Amino acid sequence: MAFTRATGKHRRPSRVHRTTARAAGVAALATTGVVGTLAAPALAAEPEPEAEQSGLTPVVTIGDSIADEIDAQAVAQKQAAADAAAREAAREAARERAAEAAKEAREAKERAAREAERKRLNTFVAPITASYVSTAYQAGSSLWSSGSHTGIDFHASSGTTVHAVGVGTVVETGWGGAYGNQVVIKMHDGTYTQYGHLSSIGVSVGQSVEPGQQIGLSGATGNVTGPHLHFEARTSPEYGSDMDPVAYLRSHGVNV
């Protein structure tokens, strides 16, 4: 009996389960590790596909369920990457907000410190609390060698606290001749103040003083007729550089 060989359109069809595009996608996923150990065993379980003698490279075929799972893994990886990027962006925004808040707090603290220092430097007080001027500036009398009063006298009994009128540094203490026991202070603005006829001195040369700080006690040392505080404002530490002490104190907000 004779057999006729099948030819032309009656050739046996090849097993192709996925298009070339699907297979190419699987190959791309395999290179990134998405397929991994998942696809390999499943592929091994299927019989090796036949390849058409067409001159084209054979394409590996996979089942529908494995392809769907690979697709799901790819989507999950993309979502995980997006979530990680979102979390990092949120952390970066939080760091920027924290840095900005810290900067604002630091600047506010610096402004407060500058304002406090400005206030400290510009604060002046009277040298004797709750007193009054008993002898005016440039009053004439034979009691003074210059013929006129170079400062003002504040009424005070012996032992009354004498205050530094502002921020400064002590440049002279001790006996001052007709001034008796005295203290001379260089003020922060370069002017000088002098406190005379003290019964005791409570500061030393080089010491920094603050407004209202006790520097001694009033008394009746030197050329006096009774206890009081002699106060001068000067342009230098030396005698003869005096200026109106009432105007000086008032220019710094002290009403005398």
C-alpha atoms as a PDB file:
ATOM      1  CA  MET A   1       0.000   0.000   0.000  1.00  0.00           C
ATOM      2  CA  ALA A   2       1.423   3.357  -0.973  1.00  0.00           C
ATOM      3  CA  PHE A   3       1.603   6.464   1.389  1.00  0.00           C
ATOM      4  CA  THR A   4       1.545  10.024   0.251  1.00  0.00           C
ATOM      5  CA  ARG A   5       3.741  12.614   2.157  1.00  0.00           C
ATOM      6  CA  ALA A   6       1.841  15.659   3.444  1.00  0.00           C
ATOM      7  CA  THR A   7       2.943  18.828   1.724  1.00  0.00           C
ATOM      8  CA  GLY A   8       1.949  22.515   1.384  1.00  0.00           C
ATOM      9  CA  LYS A   9      -1.001  23.681   3.494  1.00  0.00           C
ATOM     10  CA  HIS A  10      -1.427  20.249   5.069  1.00  0.00           C
ATOM     11  CA  ARG A  11       1.834  20.575   7.142  1.00  0.00           C
ATOM     12  CA  ARG A  12       1.537  20.011  10.941  1.00  0.00           C
ATOM     13  CA  PRO A  13       1.051  23.367  12.817  1.00  0.00           C
ATOM     14  CA  SER A  14       3.690  24.433  15.429  1.00  0.00           C
ATOM     15  CA  ARG A  15       2.866  24.986  19.157  1.00  0.00           C
ATOM     16  CA  VAL A  16       2.874  28.746  19.734  1.00  0.00           C
ATOM     17  CA  HIS A  17       1.160  29.899  22.987  1.00  0.00           C
ATOM     18  CA  ARG A  18       2.325  33.507  23.052  1.00  0.00           C
ATOM     19  CA  THR A  19       3.118  36.036  20.378  1.00  0.00           C
ATOM     20  CA  THR A  20       6.678  37.141  19.745  1.00  0.00           C
ATOM     21  CA  ALA A  21       5.949  40.428  21.609  1.00  0.00           C
ATOM     22  CA  ARG A  22       4.873  38.477  24.733  1.00  0.00           C
ATOM     23  CA  ALA A  23       7.997  36.336  24.616  1.00  0.00           C
ATOM     24  CA  ALA A  24      10.217  39.388  24.183  1.00  0.00           C
ATOM     25  CA  GLY A  25       8.581  40.967  27.251  1.00  0.00           C
ATOM     26  CA  VAL A  26       9.272  37.853  29.280  1.00  0.00           C
ATOM     27  CA  ALA A  27      12.904  37.910  28.216  1.00  0.00           C
ATOM     28  CA  ALA A  28      13.196  41.544  29.310  1.00  0.00           C
ATOM     29  CA  LEU A  29      11.647  40.772  32.704  1.00  0.00           C
ATOM     30  CA  ALA A  30      13.991  37.836  33.149  1.00  0.00           C
ATOM     31  CA  THR A  31      17.001  40.116  32.778  1.00  0.00           C
ATOM     32  CA  THR A  32      15.766  42.310  35.693  1.00  0.00           C
ATOM     33  CA  GLY A  33      15.106  39.390  38.016  1.00  0.00           C
ATOM     34  CA  VAL A  34      11.295  39.552  37.852  1.00  0.00           C
ATOM     35  CA  VAL A  35      10.931  36.028  36.453  1.00  0.00           C
ATOM     36  CA  GLY A  36      13.676  34.555  38.660  1.00  0.00           C
ATOM     37  CA  THR A  37      12.980  31.225  40.185  1.00  0.00           C
ATOM     38  CA  LEU A  38       9.269  31.554  39.418  1.00  0.00           C
ATOM     39  CA  ALA A  39       9.431  30.972  35.667  1.00  0.00           C
ATOM     40  CA  ALA A  40      12.288  28.501  35.504  1.00  0.00           C
ATOM     41  CA  PRO A  41      10.591  25.456  37.139  1.00  0.00           C
ATOM     42  CA  ALA A  42       7.362  26.018  35.249  1.00  0.00           C
ATOM     43  CA  LEU A  43       9.178  26.250  31.977  1.00  0.00           C
ATOM     44  CA  ALA A  44      11.080  23.059  32.755  1.00  0.00           C
ATOM     45  CA  ALA A  45       7.824  21.212  33.316  1.00  0.00           C
ATOM     46  CA  GLU A  46       6.597  21.794  29.789  1.00  0.00           C
ATOM     47  CA  PRO A  47       7.911  19.753  26.866  1.00  0.00           C
ATOM     48  CA  GLU A  48      10.480  21.463  24.732  1.00  0.00           C
ATOM     49  CA  PRO A  49       8.647  23.321  21.974  1.00  0.00           C
ATOM     50  CA  GLU A  50       9.180  22.440  18.389  1.00  0.00           C
ATOM     51  CA  ALA A  51      10.779  25.015  16.174  1.00  0.00           C
ATOM     52  CA  GLU A  52       9.728  25.606  12.626  1.00  0.00           C
ATOM     53  CA  GLN A  53      12.440  25.212  10.046  1.00  0.00           C
ATOM     54  CA  SER A  54      11.962  28.796   8.952  1.00  0.00           C
ATOM     55  CA  GLY A  55      15.401  30.232   9.693  1.00  0.00           C
ATOM     56  CA  LEU A  56      14.035  32.220  12.713  1.00  0.00           C
ATOM     57  CA  THR A  57      15.302  31.832  16.317  1.00  0.00           C
ATOM     58  CA  PRO A  58      12.919  29.564  18.270  1.00  0.00           C
ATOM     59  CA  VAL A  59      10.801  31.336  20.888  1.00  0.00           C
ATOM     60  CA  VAL A  60      10.176  29.828  24.341  1.00  0.00           C
ATOM     61  CA  THR A  61       6.496  29.562  25.179  1.00  0.00           C
ATOM     62  CA  ILE A  62       4.939  29.855  28.630  1.00  0.00           C
ATOM     63  CA  GLY A  63       1.530  29.239  30.087  1.00  0.00           C
ATOM     64  CA  ASP A  64      -1.120  31.936  30.674  1.00  0.00           C
ATOM     65  CA  SER A  65      -1.084  31.707  34.497  1.00  0.00           C
ATOM     66  CA  ILE A  66       2.710  32.197  34.737  1.00  0.00           C
ATOM     67  CA  ALA A  67       2.617  35.154  32.375  1.00  0.00           C
ATOM     68  CA  ASP A  68      -0.117  36.786  34.453  1.00  0.00           C
ATOM     69  CA  GLU A  69       1.889  36.267  37.630  1.00  0.00           C
ATOM     70  CA  ILE A  70       4.965  37.800  36.037  1.00  0.00           C
ATOM     71  CA  ASP A  71       2.881  40.792  34.987  1.00  0.00           C
ATOM     72  CA  ALA A  72       1.583  41.148  38.549  1.00  0.00           C
ATOM     73  CA  GLN A  73       5.120  41.040  39.924  1.00  0.00           C
ATOM     74  CA  ALA A  74       6.220  43.746  37.508  1.00  0.00           C
ATOM     75  CA  VAL A  75       3.320  45.965  38.556  1.00  0.00           C
ATOM     76  CA  ALA A  76       4.111  45.321  42.234  1.00  0.00           C
ATOM     77  CA  GLN A  77       7.751  46.268  41.688  1.00  0.00           C
ATOM     78  CA  LYS A  78       6.762  49.491  39.986  1.00  0.00           C
ATOM     79  CA  GLN A  79       4.326  50.333  42.803  1.00  0.00           C
ATOM     80  CA  ALA A  80       6.947  49.556  45.458  1.00  0.00           C
ATOM     81  CA  ALA A  81       9.441  51.841  43.696  1.00  0.00           C
ATOM     82  CA  ALA A  82       6.836  54.598  43.487  1.00  0.00           C
ATOM     83  CA  ASP A  83       5.966  54.170  47.180  1.00  0.00           C
ATOM     84  CA  ALA A  84       9.648  54.297  48.168  1.00  0.00           C
ATOM     85  CA  ALA A  85      10.139  57.469  46.124  1.00  0.00           C
ATOM     86  CA  ALA A  86       7.084  59.047  47.759  1.00  0.00           C
ATOM     87  CA  ARG A  87       8.349  58.170  51.251  1.00  0.00           C
ATOM     88  CA  GLU A  88      11.780  59.617  50.494  1.00  0.00           C
ATOM     89  CA  ALA A  89      10.192  62.801  49.135  1.00  0.00           C
ATOM     90  CA  ALA A  90       8.108  63.098  52.314  1.00  0.00           C
ATOM     91  CA  ARG A  91      11.191  62.595  54.493  1.00  0.00           C
ATOM     92  CA  GLU A  92      13.111  65.228  52.519  1.00  0.00           C
ATOM     93  CA  ALA A  93      10.220  67.691  52.860  1.00  0.00           C
ATOM     94  CA  ALA A  94      10.109  67.024  56.609  1.00  0.00           C
ATOM     95  CA  ARG A  95      13.871  67.614  56.877  1.00  0.00           C
ATOM     96  CA  GLU A  96      13.544  70.888  54.995  1.00  0.00           C
ATOM     97  CA  ARG A  97      10.680  72.023  57.250  1.00  0.00           C
ATOM     98  CA  ALA A  98      12.670  71.125  60.360  1.00  0.00           C
ATOM     99  CA  ALA A  99      15.734  72.979  59.071  1.00  0.00           C
ATOM    100  CA  GLU A 100      13.647  76.042  58.270  1.00  0.00           C
ATOM    101  CA  ALA A 101      11.984  75.972  61.699  1.00  0.00           C
ATOM    102  CA  ALA A 102      15.396  75.656  63.381  1.00  0.00           C
ATOM    103  CA  LYS A 103      16.710  78.571  61.337  1.00  0.00           C
ATOM    104  CA  GLU A 104      13.727  80.737  62.264  1.00  0.00           C
ATOM    105  CA  ALA A 105      14.100  79.848  65.951  1.00  0.00           C
ATOM    106  CA  ARG A 106      17.831  80.640  65.853  1.00  0.00           C
ATOM    107  CA  GLU A 107      17.225  83.979  64.142  1.00  0.00           C
ATOM    108  CA  ALA A 108      14.500  84.864  66.637  1.00  0.00           C
ATOM    109  CA  LYS A 109      16.847  84.025  69.516  1.00  0.00           C
ATOM    110  CA  GLU A 110      19.591  86.165  67.989  1.00  0.00           C
ATOM    111  CA  ARG A 111      17.196  89.075  67.510  1.00  0.00           C
ATOM    112  CA  ALA A 112      16.058  88.781  71.122  1.00  0.00           C
ATOM    113  CA  ALA A 113      19.675  88.715  72.313  1.00  0.00           C
ATOM    114  CA  ARG A 114      20.527  91.794  70.254  1.00  0.00           C
ATOM    115  CA  GLU A 115      17.478  93.624  71.573  1.00  0.00           C
ATOM    116  CA  ALA A 116      18.334  92.685  75.156  1.00  0.00           C
ATOM    117  CA  GLU A 117      21.902  93.922  74.678  1.00  0.00           C
ATOM    118  CA  ARG A 118      20.705  97.144  73.076  1.00  0.00           C
ATOM    119  CA  LYS A 119      18.331  97.701  75.987  1.00  0.00           C
ATOM    120  CA  ARG A 120      21.073  96.950  78.514  1.00  0.00           C
ATOM    121  CA  LEU A 121      23.496  99.388  76.914  1.00  0.00           C
ATOM    122  CA  ASN A 122      20.902 102.139  76.704  1.00  0.00           C
ATOM    123  CA  THR A 123      19.569 101.762  80.241  1.00  0.00           C
ATOM    124  CA  PHE A 124      20.550 104.538  82.644  1.00  0.00           C
ATOM    125  CA  VAL A 125      19.496 105.189  86.235  1.00  0.00           C
ATOM    126  CA  ALA A 126      20.023 107.937  88.812  1.00  0.00           C
ATOM    127  CA  PRO A 127      23.135 107.503  91.004  1.00  0.00           C
ATOM    128  CA  ILE A 128      21.018 107.897  94.157  1.00  0.00           C
ATOM    129  CA  THR A 129      17.537 106.407  94.380  1.00  0.00           C
ATOM    130  CA  ALA A 130      14.664 108.729  95.388  1.00  0.00           C
ATOM    131  CA  SER A 131      16.915 111.751  95.821  1.00  0.00           C
ATOM    132  CA  TYR A 132      17.144 115.238  94.357  1.00  0.00           C
ATOM    133  CA  VAL A 133      19.780 117.731  93.206  1.00  0.00           C
ATOM    134  CA  SER A 134      20.792 119.894  96.148  1.00  0.00           C
ATOM    135  CA  THR A 135      23.490 121.919  94.341  1.00  0.00           C
ATOM    136  CA  ALA A 136      23.242 122.713  90.640  1.00  0.00           C
ATOM    137  CA  TYR A 137      25.887 122.461  87.916  1.00  0.00           C
ATOM    138  CA  GLN A 138      28.192 125.510  87.626  1.00  0.00           C
ATOM    139  CA  ALA A 139      26.839 127.088  90.807  1.00  0.00           C
ATOM    140  CA  GLY A 140      29.332 129.751  91.956  1.00  0.00           C
ATOM    141  CA  SER A 141      31.070 129.565  95.360  1.00  0.00           C
ATOM    142  CA  SER A 142      34.450 129.993  96.995  1.00  0.00           C
ATOM    143  CA  LEU A 143      34.154 126.373  98.120  1.00  0.00           C
ATOM    144  CA  TRP A 144      35.391 125.209  94.695  1.00  0.00           C
ATOM    145  CA  SER A 145      38.863 125.932  93.411  1.00  0.00           C
ATOM    146  CA  SER A 146      37.566 126.585  89.917  1.00  0.00           C
ATOM    147  CA  GLY A 147      35.052 129.102  91.243  1.00  0.00           C
ATOM    148  CA  SER A 148      32.071 127.070  90.036  1.00  0.00           C
ATOM    149  CA  HIS A 149      30.570 123.664  90.632  1.00  0.00           C
ATOM    150  CA  THR A 150      31.839 121.101  88.102  1.00  0.00           C
ATOM    151  CA  GLY A 151      29.077 118.603  88.818  1.00  0.00           C
ATOM    152  CA  ILE A 152      25.822 118.281  90.747  1.00  0.00           C
ATOM    153  CA  ASP A 153      25.247 117.231  94.337  1.00  0.00           C
ATOM    154  CA  PHE A 154      22.596 114.671  95.240  1.00  0.00           C
ATOM    155  CA  HIS A 155      21.108 114.857  98.700  1.00  0.00           C
ATOM    156  CA  ALA A 156      22.112 111.723 100.642  1.00  0.00           C
ATOM    157  CA  SER A 157      22.960 110.819 104.202  1.00  0.00           C
ATOM    158  CA  SER A 158      26.148 108.874 104.922  1.00  0.00           C
ATOM    159  CA  GLY A 159      25.902 105.199 103.998  1.00  0.00           C
ATOM    160  CA  THR A 160      23.354 105.630 101.191  1.00  0.00           C
ATOM    161  CA  THR A 161      23.882 103.231  98.266  1.00  0.00           C
ATOM    162  CA  VAL A 162      25.511 104.848  95.221  1.00  0.00           C
ATOM    163  CA  HIS A 163      24.747 103.244  91.839  1.00  0.00           C
ATOM    164  CA  ALA A 164      26.599 103.168  88.529  1.00  0.00           C
ATOM    165  CA  VAL A 165      24.343 105.129  86.198  1.00  0.00           C
ATOM    166  CA  GLY A 166      24.936 102.807  83.210  1.00  0.00           C
ATOM    167  CA  VAL A 167      27.092 100.113  81.619  1.00  0.00           C
ATOM    168  CA  GLY A 168      30.802 100.818  81.906  1.00  0.00           C
ATOM    169  CA  THR A 169      34.237  99.938  83.215  1.00  0.00           C
ATOM    170  CA  VAL A 170      35.849 101.322  86.357  1.00  0.00           C
ATOM    171  CA  VAL A 171      38.997 103.278  85.446  1.00  0.00           C
ATOM    172  CA  GLU A 172      39.823 104.971  88.758  1.00  0.00           C
ATOM    173  CA  THR A 173      39.130 104.452  92.459  1.00  0.00           C
ATOM    174  CA  GLY A 174      40.552 105.851  95.700  1.00  0.00           C
ATOM    175  CA  TRP A 175      41.413 109.232  97.107  1.00  0.00           C
ATOM    176  CA  GLY A 176      40.714 112.167  94.828  1.00  0.00           C
ATOM    177  CA  GLY A 177      41.844 115.178  96.859  1.00  0.00           C
ATOM    178  CA  ALA A 178      38.925 117.606  97.297  1.00  0.00           C
ATOM    179  CA  TYR A 179      36.623 114.863  95.959  1.00  0.00           C
ATOM    180  CA  GLY A 180      37.541 112.562  98.847  1.00  0.00           C
ATOM    181  CA  ASN A 181      37.014 108.906  98.049  1.00  0.00           C
ATOM    182  CA  GLN A 182      35.904 108.676  94.413  1.00  0.00           C
ATOM    183  CA  VAL A 183      35.080 106.285  91.575  1.00  0.00           C
ATOM    184  CA  VAL A 184      35.467 107.159  87.888  1.00  0.00           C
ATOM    185  CA  ILE A 185      33.750 104.970  85.270  1.00  0.00           C
ATOM    186  CA  LYS A 186      34.218 104.924  81.504  1.00  0.00           C
ATOM    187  CA  MET A 187      30.753 104.455  80.010  1.00  0.00           C
ATOM    188  CA  HIS A 188      30.056 102.209  77.007  1.00  0.00           C
ATOM    189  CA  ASP A 189      29.597 105.294  74.754  1.00  0.00           C
ATOM    190  CA  GLY A 190      33.061 106.678  75.604  1.00  0.00           C
ATOM    191  CA  THR A 191      31.941 109.297  78.132  1.00  0.00           C
ATOM    192  CA  TYR A 192      32.940 109.222  81.819  1.00  0.00           C
ATOM    193  CA  THR A 193      31.053 109.564  85.116  1.00  0.00           C
ATOM    194  CA  GLN A 194      32.551 110.460  88.492  1.00  0.00           C
ATOM    195  CA  TYR A 195      31.185 109.808  91.999  1.00  0.00           C
ATOM    196  CA  GLY A 196      32.781 111.747  94.882  1.00  0.00           C
ATOM    197  CA  HIS A 197      32.835 112.118  98.693  1.00  0.00           C
ATOM    198  CA  LEU A 198      32.156 108.383  99.223  1.00  0.00           C
ATOM    199  CA  SER A 199      32.382 106.870 102.682  1.00  0.00           C
ATOM    200  CA  SER A 200      33.381 103.529 101.122  1.00  0.00           C
ATOM    201  CA  ILE A 201      34.216 102.121  97.698  1.00  0.00           C
ATOM    202  CA  GLY A 202      32.805  98.796  96.518  1.00  0.00           C
ATOM    203  CA  VAL A 203      34.480  98.307  93.100  1.00  0.00           C
ATOM    204  CA  SER A 204      38.002  98.086  91.688  1.00  0.00           C
ATOM    205  CA  VAL A 205      39.782  99.346  88.581  1.00  0.00           C
ATOM    206  CA  GLY A 206      39.028  97.216  85.510  1.00  0.00           C
ATOM    207  CA  GLN A 207      35.728  95.947  86.852  1.00  0.00           C
ATOM    208  CA  SER A 208      32.679  96.035  84.565  1.00  0.00           C
ATOM    209  CA  VAL A 209      29.515  97.506  86.031  1.00  0.00           C
ATOM    210  CA  GLU A 210      25.840  97.404  85.095  1.00  0.00           C
ATOM    211  CA  PRO A 211      23.125 100.058  85.423  1.00  0.00           C
ATOM    212  CA  GLY A 212      22.042 100.317  89.062  1.00  0.00           C
ATOM    213  CA  GLN A 213      24.958  98.263  90.404  1.00  0.00           C
ATOM    214  CA  GLN A 214      26.219  99.411  93.797  1.00  0.00           C
ATOM    215  CA  ILE A 215      29.688 100.937  93.521  1.00  0.00           C
ATOM    216  CA  GLY A 216      29.995 102.465  97.021  1.00  0.00           C
ATOM    217  CA  LEU A 217      28.286 104.373  99.816  1.00  0.00           C
ATOM    218  CA  SER A 218      27.781 108.114 100.089  1.00  0.00           C
ATOM    219  CA  GLY A 219      29.659 110.062 102.741  1.00  0.00           C
ATOM    220  CA  ALA A 220      31.440 113.297 103.609  1.00  0.00           C
ATOM    221  CA  THR A 221      35.070 112.679 102.627  1.00  0.00           C
ATOM    222  CA  GLY A 222      37.131 115.426 100.971  1.00  0.00           C
ATOM    223  CA  ASN A 223      36.133 119.088 100.781  1.00  0.00           C
ATOM    224  CA  VAL A 224      32.523 119.077 102.016  1.00  0.00           C
ATOM    225  CA  THR A 225      30.227 120.778 104.515  1.00  0.00           C
ATOM    226  CA  GLY A 226      28.101 117.668 105.005  1.00  0.00           C
ATOM    227  CA  PRO A 227      27.334 114.226 103.551  1.00  0.00           C
ATOM    228  CA  HIS A 228      26.119 114.053  99.937  1.00  0.00           C
ATOM    229  CA  LEU A 229      27.085 112.555  96.569  1.00  0.00           C
ATOM    230  CA  HIS A 230      29.016 114.668  94.082  1.00  0.00           C
ATOM    231  CA  PHE A 231      28.293 113.432  90.530  1.00  0.00           C
ATOM    232  CA  GLU A 232      30.021 114.547  87.320  1.00  0.00           C
ATOM    233  CA  ALA A 233      29.675 113.710  83.616  1.00  0.00           C
ATOM    234  CA  ARG A 234      32.916 114.156  81.650  1.00  0.00           C
ATOM    235  CA  THR A 235      34.360 113.792  78.174  1.00  0.00           C
ATOM    236  CA  SER A 236      37.575 112.332  79.637  1.00  0.00           C
ATOM    237  CA  PRO A 237      38.581 110.932  83.039  1.00  0.00           C
ATOM    238  CA  GLU A 238      40.379 114.160  83.917  1.00  0.00           C
ATOM    239  CA  TYR A 239      39.223 117.127  85.964  1.00  0.00           C
ATOM    240  CA  GLY A 240      38.131 120.057  83.793  1.00  0.00           C
ATOM    241  CA  SER A 241      36.421 117.972  81.062  1.00  0.00           C
ATOM    242  CA  ASP A 242      33.039 118.241  82.761  1.00  0.00           C
ATOM    243  CA  MET A 243      29.701 118.681  80.969  1.00  0.00           C
ATOM    244  CA  ASP A 244      26.194 119.341  82.268  1.00  0.00           C
ATOM    245  CA  PRO A 245      25.320 116.191  84.259  1.00  0.00           C
ATOM    246  CA  VAL A 246      21.574 116.956  84.346  1.00  0.00           C
ATOM    247  CA  ALA A 247      21.440 117.229  80.546  1.00  0.00           C
ATOM    248  CA  TYR A 248      23.600 114.090  80.322  1.00  0.00           C
ATOM    249  CA  LEU A 249      21.272 112.018  82.499  1.00  0.00           C
ATOM    250  CA  ARG A 250      18.137 113.357  80.822  1.00  0.00           C
ATOM    251  CA  SER A 251      19.536 112.512  77.381  1.00  0.00           C
ATOM    252  CA  HIS A 252      19.644 108.915  78.610  1.00  0.00           C
ATOM    253  CA  GLY A 253      16.116 108.913  79.951  1.00  0.00           C
ATOM    254  CA  VAL A 254      16.812 109.753  83.610  1.00  0.00           C
ATOM    255  CA  ASN A 255      14.587 112.501  85.016  1.00  0.00           C
ATOM    256  CA  VAL A 256      16.434 114.554  87.648  1.00  0.00           C
END
